């Protein structure tokens, strides 16, 4: 299967280490592309909810696939989010083509892009982190129940459904939060003179021009969505941004082909488990 060449790929909210993560689908996607730059915009590994008892091989294979990009010299930016905030103490770390930052400003075809996860706009994160962590556990449980329900629906030939998306649609406050999030990001980006602002965090993929509240200008707001429910990423190619949405039908020919990157020394995942467990314990 020929790999698709893409100038820039932006992924966020993968939540490796949780039951809701679609690591197998993400792995197929990563295998199908040849990016010139990969931006991991926060919450890639969910250190908040990490448990040594749950770290499937598929999750380790995603990590190894990302490392493969690094060994090939492809620039990989890892920007920290709230679920992997323990990595923020190591911000400004560089190793070859791998860069760890809290935020980054990149020049893309003569336009400045401001890229960060977006949890800084979340009031719950700033003032009630314990409540946010409880919400994260509840969300992961909801996704787990939703997965079982969708398995039953598929078995009976019915369409899948998303509990969380239905809940969000019914609560005006959820829609209001998303709108305020996007507007706040746009206002700050216009004030700073950026042409693009790229976020994650709210699990809602979007590309739209947003005008500043004070009408002083506009910015292209982009959100990469997530790999828990929507299975989306942002792609930049030929001076154009698009939202990629994973469709199983597009990957039927892949047949989960494995290569040396997938099978090589997977026992090393035990070291990853120990490392993540240490990060998690340091926060308590």
Protein backbone atom coordinates (compact mmCIF):
# COMPACT_ATOMS: atom_id res chain seq x y z
CA UNK A 1 0.00 0.00 0.00
CA UNK A 2 1.60 3.28 -1.13
CA UNK A 3 1.98 5.88 1.57
CA UNK A 4 0.29 9.26 1.16
CA UNK A 5 2.69 12.15 1.27
CA UNK A 6 1.47 14.96 3.55
CA UNK A 7 3.29 18.18 4.39
CA UNK A 8 2.04 18.44 8.00
CA UNK A 9 -0.07 16.13 10.17
CA UNK A 10 -1.53 17.31 13.50
CA UNK A 11 -2.90 14.78 15.98
CA UNK A 12 -4.19 15.35 19.49
CA UNK A 13 -6.14 13.65 22.27
CA UNK A 14 -5.12 10.08 21.53
CA UNK A 15 -5.26 9.07 25.23
CA UNK A 16 -2.97 6.07 24.98
CA UNK A 17 -3.37 3.97 28.10
CA UNK A 18 -7.16 4.25 28.29
CA UNK A 19 -9.90 1.89 27.13
CA UNK A 20 -11.40 4.53 24.84
CA UNK A 21 -8.25 4.96 22.75
CA UNK A 22 -8.48 3.68 19.16
CA UNK A 23 -4.81 2.76 18.91
CA UNK A 24 -5.28 0.11 16.19
CA UNK A 25 -7.03 2.59 13.91
CA UNK A 26 -4.43 5.27 14.62
CA UNK A 27 -1.64 2.82 13.84
CA UNK A 28 -3.21 2.04 10.46
CA UNK A 29 -3.44 5.75 9.75
CA UNK A 30 0.18 6.42 10.75
CA UNK A 31 1.32 3.54 8.55
CA UNK A 32 -0.57 5.00 5.59
CA UNK A 33 1.10 8.42 5.58
CA UNK A 34 4.53 9.88 4.93
CA UNK A 35 4.48 13.27 6.68
CA UNK A 36 7.15 15.91 6.32
CA UNK A 37 6.26 17.04 9.85
CA UNK A 38 4.21 15.48 12.66
CA UNK A 39 2.71 17.57 15.45
CA UNK A 40 1.35 15.75 18.51
CA UNK A 41 -0.79 18.41 20.16
CA UNK A 42 -1.34 17.13 23.69
CA UNK A 43 -2.99 14.26 25.55
CA UNK A 44 -1.18 11.67 23.45
CA UNK A 45 -0.44 9.50 26.50
CA UNK A 46 -3.03 9.71 29.28
CA UNK A 47 -0.75 9.74 32.33
CA UNK A 48 -3.67 10.90 34.51
CA UNK A 49 -5.48 7.59 34.12
CA UNK A 50 -2.49 5.39 33.39
CA UNK A 51 -2.56 1.90 34.90
CA UNK A 52 0.21 -0.69 34.58
CA UNK A 53 -2.50 -3.31 34.12
CA UNK A 54 -3.68 -1.72 30.86
CA UNK A 55 -1.08 -1.00 28.20
CA UNK A 56 -1.98 -3.13 25.13
CA UNK A 57 0.52 -3.93 22.39
CA UNK A 58 -1.39 -1.70 19.97
CA UNK A 59 -0.65 1.30 22.22
CA UNK A 60 3.04 0.43 22.32
CA UNK A 61 3.06 0.03 18.54
CA UNK A 62 1.75 3.60 18.16
CA UNK A 63 4.63 4.87 20.30
CA UNK A 64 7.12 2.87 18.24
CA UNK A 65 5.63 4.14 14.97
CA UNK A 66 6.09 7.72 16.17
CA UNK A 67 9.68 6.93 17.16
CA UNK A 68 10.19 5.49 13.67
CA UNK A 69 9.31 8.89 12.22
CA UNK A 70 11.95 10.43 14.52
CA UNK A 71 14.64 7.94 13.43
CA UNK A 72 13.80 8.78 9.81
CA UNK A 73 14.59 12.43 10.53
CA UNK A 74 11.00 13.64 10.28
CA UNK A 75 10.43 16.60 12.65
CA UNK A 76 8.10 15.48 15.45
CA UNK A 77 6.77 18.11 17.85
CA UNK A 78 5.24 16.78 21.07
CA UNK A 79 3.21 19.57 22.72
CA UNK A 80 2.00 18.82 26.22
CA UNK A 81 -1.67 18.73 27.24
CA UNK A 82 -3.44 18.39 30.58
CA UNK A 83 -3.51 14.57 30.62
CA UNK A 84 0.24 14.46 29.96
CA UNK A 85 1.06 17.65 31.88
CA UNK A 86 3.73 15.79 33.88
CA UNK A 87 5.92 16.17 30.80
CA UNK A 88 5.79 19.97 31.07
CA UNK A 89 8.72 19.94 33.48
CA UNK A 90 10.81 18.60 30.56
CA UNK A 91 9.66 21.22 28.03
CA UNK A 92 12.39 22.57 25.73
CA UNK A 93 13.83 19.06 25.39
CA UNK A 94 15.31 18.21 21.97
CA UNK A 95 16.56 14.85 20.75
CA UNK A 96 17.40 14.67 17.06
CA UNK A 97 14.24 15.58 15.19
CA UNK A 98 12.08 15.17 18.33
CA UNK A 99 11.06 18.37 20.12
CA UNK A 100 9.10 18.58 23.39
CA UNK A 101 7.35 21.90 24.03
CA UNK A 102 4.32 23.31 25.81
CA UNK A 103 3.47 25.42 22.76
CA UNK A 104 5.14 26.37 19.51
CA UNK A 105 4.97 29.01 16.80
CA UNK A 106 5.82 27.74 13.32
CA UNK A 107 6.09 29.53 10.00
CA UNK A 108 4.01 27.68 7.41
CA UNK A 109 4.27 29.09 3.88
CA UNK A 110 4.93 32.63 5.15
CA UNK A 111 2.08 32.43 7.68
CA UNK A 112 2.58 32.16 11.43
CA UNK A 113 0.84 29.27 13.20
CA UNK A 114 0.34 29.31 16.97
CA UNK A 115 -0.02 25.73 18.18
CA UNK A 116 -0.90 24.56 21.70
CA UNK A 117 -3.24 22.04 23.35
CA UNK A 118 -5.81 24.50 24.71
CA UNK A 119 -6.40 23.37 28.31
CA UNK A 120 -5.21 26.83 29.41
CA UNK A 121 -8.70 28.08 28.43
CA UNK A 122 -10.46 25.46 30.57
CA UNK A 123 -11.60 27.03 33.87
CA UNK A 124 -12.10 23.59 35.44
CA UNK A 125 -8.48 22.74 34.67
CA UNK A 126 -7.23 25.97 36.21
CA UNK A 127 -9.26 25.94 39.44
CA UNK A 128 -10.68 22.43 40.05
CA UNK A 129 -8.19 19.93 38.69
CA UNK A 130 -9.57 17.18 40.95
CA UNK A 131 -13.00 17.69 39.35
CA UNK A 132 -11.47 17.54 35.88
CA UNK A 133 -9.74 14.25 36.76
CA UNK A 134 -13.01 12.80 38.06
CA UNK A 135 -14.67 13.89 34.83
CA UNK A 136 -11.93 12.18 32.82
CA UNK A 137 -12.55 8.88 34.63
CA UNK A 138 -16.29 9.25 34.06
CA UNK A 139 -15.73 10.01 30.38
CA UNK A 140 -13.51 6.95 29.93
CA UNK A 141 -16.16 4.78 31.63
CA UNK A 142 -18.83 6.23 29.34
CA UNK A 143 -16.68 5.43 26.30
CA UNK A 144 -16.18 1.86 27.54
CA UNK A 145 -19.95 1.35 27.96
CA UNK A 146 -20.49 3.00 24.57
CA UNK A 147 -18.03 0.58 22.93
CA UNK A 148 -19.93 -2.43 24.30
CA UNK A 149 -23.24 -0.92 23.15
CA UNK A 150 -21.86 -0.32 19.65
CA UNK A 151 -20.62 -3.91 19.52
CA UNK A 152 -24.18 -5.07 20.19
CA UNK A 153 -25.64 -2.61 17.67
CA UNK A 154 -23.20 -3.79 14.99
CA UNK A 155 -24.06 -7.42 15.75
CA UNK A 156 -27.73 -6.63 15.10
CA UNK A 157 -26.96 -4.66 11.94
CA UNK A 158 -27.72 -1.29 13.52
CA UNK A 159 -25.73 1.95 13.19
CA UNK A 160 -23.24 2.88 15.88
CA UNK A 161 -23.97 5.80 18.20
CA UNK A 162 -21.95 8.17 20.39
CA UNK A 163 -23.23 8.69 23.92
CA UNK A 164 -20.99 11.66 24.65
CA UNK A 165 -21.84 13.46 21.40
CA UNK A 166 -25.55 13.04 22.10
CA UNK A 167 -25.06 14.37 25.63
CA UNK A 168 -23.06 17.36 24.34
CA UNK A 169 -25.73 18.13 21.74
CA UNK A 170 -28.46 18.20 24.40
CA UNK A 171 -26.65 20.55 26.76
CA UNK A 172 -26.44 24.15 25.63
CA UNK A 173 -23.57 24.77 28.06
CA UNK A 174 -21.39 22.26 26.18
CA UNK A 175 -22.02 24.02 22.87
CA UNK A 176 -21.47 27.38 24.54
CA UNK A 177 -18.14 26.17 25.98
CA UNK A 178 -16.92 25.06 22.55
CA UNK A 179 -17.90 28.40 21.00
CA UNK A 180 -16.21 30.36 23.79
CA UNK A 181 -13.10 28.18 23.50
CA UNK A 182 -12.82 28.86 19.78
CA UNK A 183 -13.49 32.58 20.18
CA UNK A 184 -10.93 32.97 22.98
CA UNK A 185 -8.26 31.19 20.93
CA UNK A 186 -9.06 33.36 17.91
CA UNK A 187 -9.02 36.63 19.88
CA UNK A 188 -5.57 35.91 21.34
CA UNK A 189 -4.19 34.75 17.99
CA UNK A 190 -5.38 37.93 16.23
CA UNK A 191 -3.93 40.05 19.05
CA UNK A 192 -0.55 38.31 18.66
CA UNK A 193 -0.57 38.66 14.86
CA UNK A 194 -0.89 34.98 13.95
CA UNK A 195 -2.70 33.71 10.86
CA UNK A 196 -3.41 30.20 12.20
CA UNK A 197 -4.26 28.93 15.68
CA UNK A 198 -4.26 25.15 16.19
CA UNK A 199 -5.69 23.48 19.29
CA UNK A 200 -6.99 20.17 20.59
CA UNK A 201 -8.47 19.48 24.05
CA UNK A 202 -12.21 19.79 23.32
CA UNK A 203 -12.46 16.67 21.07
CA UNK A 204 -14.21 18.65 18.36
CA UNK A 205 -12.50 18.84 14.96
CA UNK A 206 -12.98 22.16 13.20
CA UNK A 207 -11.59 24.45 10.52
CA UNK A 208 -13.15 27.90 10.23
CA UNK A 209 -12.26 31.55 9.92
CA UNK A 210 -13.05 33.32 13.18
CA UNK A 211 -13.29 37.08 13.51
CA UNK A 212 -11.93 38.70 16.66
CA UNK A 213 -14.51 39.98 19.13
CA UNK A 214 -13.28 43.55 18.68
CA UNK A 215 -13.43 43.18 14.85
CA UNK A 216 -9.70 43.94 14.62
CA UNK A 217 -9.04 40.99 12.32
CA UNK A 218 -9.60 37.28 11.82
CA UNK A 219 -7.66 34.04 12.07
CA UNK A 220 -8.07 30.52 10.75
CA UNK A 221 -8.98 28.42 13.78
CA UNK A 222 -8.19 24.71 13.53
CA UNK A 223 -8.85 21.86 15.93
CA UNK A 224 -7.57 18.33 15.36
CA UNK A 225 -10.39 16.59 17.26
CA UNK A 226 -9.45 13.28 18.90
CA UNK A 227 -8.75 9.55 18.51
CA UNK A 228 -11.29 8.43 21.10
CA UNK A 229 -14.55 9.19 19.33
CA UNK A 230 -14.21 11.18 16.12
CA UNK A 231 -10.86 9.65 14.99
CA UNK A 232 -9.68 12.80 13.23
CA UNK A 233 -6.50 14.70 12.47
CA UNK A 234 -5.51 17.86 10.63
CA UNK A 235 -3.55 17.63 7.40
CA UNK A 236 -1.79 20.42 5.55
CA UNK A 237 -0.89 19.86 1.92
CA UNK A 238 -0.52 22.15 -1.12
CA UNK A 239 -1.20 25.23 1.05
CA UNK A 240 -4.53 23.83 2.20
CA UNK A 241 -5.78 22.55 5.57
CA UNK A 242 -8.22 19.63 5.72
CA UNK A 243 -9.72 17.41 8.42
CA UNK A 244 -8.93 13.73 7.99
CA UNK A 245 -11.60 11.40 9.39
CA UNK A 246 -10.78 7.72 9.74
CA UNK A 247 -13.04 5.40 7.74
CA UNK A 248 -12.49 1.64 8.19
CA UNK A 249 -13.50 1.08 4.55
CA UNK A 250 -10.41 2.98 3.39
CA UNK A 251 -8.08 0.61 5.25
CA UNK A 252 -9.49 -2.80 4.39
CA UNK A 253 -6.56 -3.60 2.10
CA UNK A 254 -4.08 -2.99 4.92
CA UNK A 255 -4.97 -6.24 6.73
CA UNK A 256 -3.01 -5.10 9.78
CA UNK A 257 0.30 -5.75 8.05
CA UNK A 258 3.12 -5.85 10.56
CA UNK A 259 6.69 -4.82 10.04
CA UNK A 260 9.84 -4.81 12.13
CA UNK A 261 8.73 -1.63 13.90
CA UNK A 262 5.61 -3.41 15.17
CA UNK A 263 7.24 -6.61 16.36
CA UNK A 264 10.71 -5.54 17.41
CA UNK A 265 11.34 -5.86 21.16
CA UNK A 266 7.79 -5.26 22.35
CA UNK A 267 8.89 -6.42 25.79
CA UNK A 268 10.35 -2.92 26.13
CA UNK A 269 6.80 -1.77 26.82
CA UNK A 270 7.41 -2.87 30.42
CA UNK A 271 9.95 -0.06 30.73
CA UNK A 272 7.38 2.37 29.35
CA UNK A 273 4.86 1.17 31.92
CA UNK A 274 7.30 1.75 34.76
CA UNK A 275 8.22 5.19 33.45
CA UNK A 276 4.58 6.29 33.12
CA UNK A 277 3.76 4.91 36.56
CA UNK A 278 6.55 7.01 38.05
CA UNK A 279 5.21 10.13 36.29
CA UNK A 280 1.72 9.42 37.62
CA UNK A 281 2.88 8.88 41.20
CA UNK A 282 4.84 12.13 41.21
CA UNK A 283 1.59 14.08 40.89
CA UNK A 284 0.07 12.70 44.07
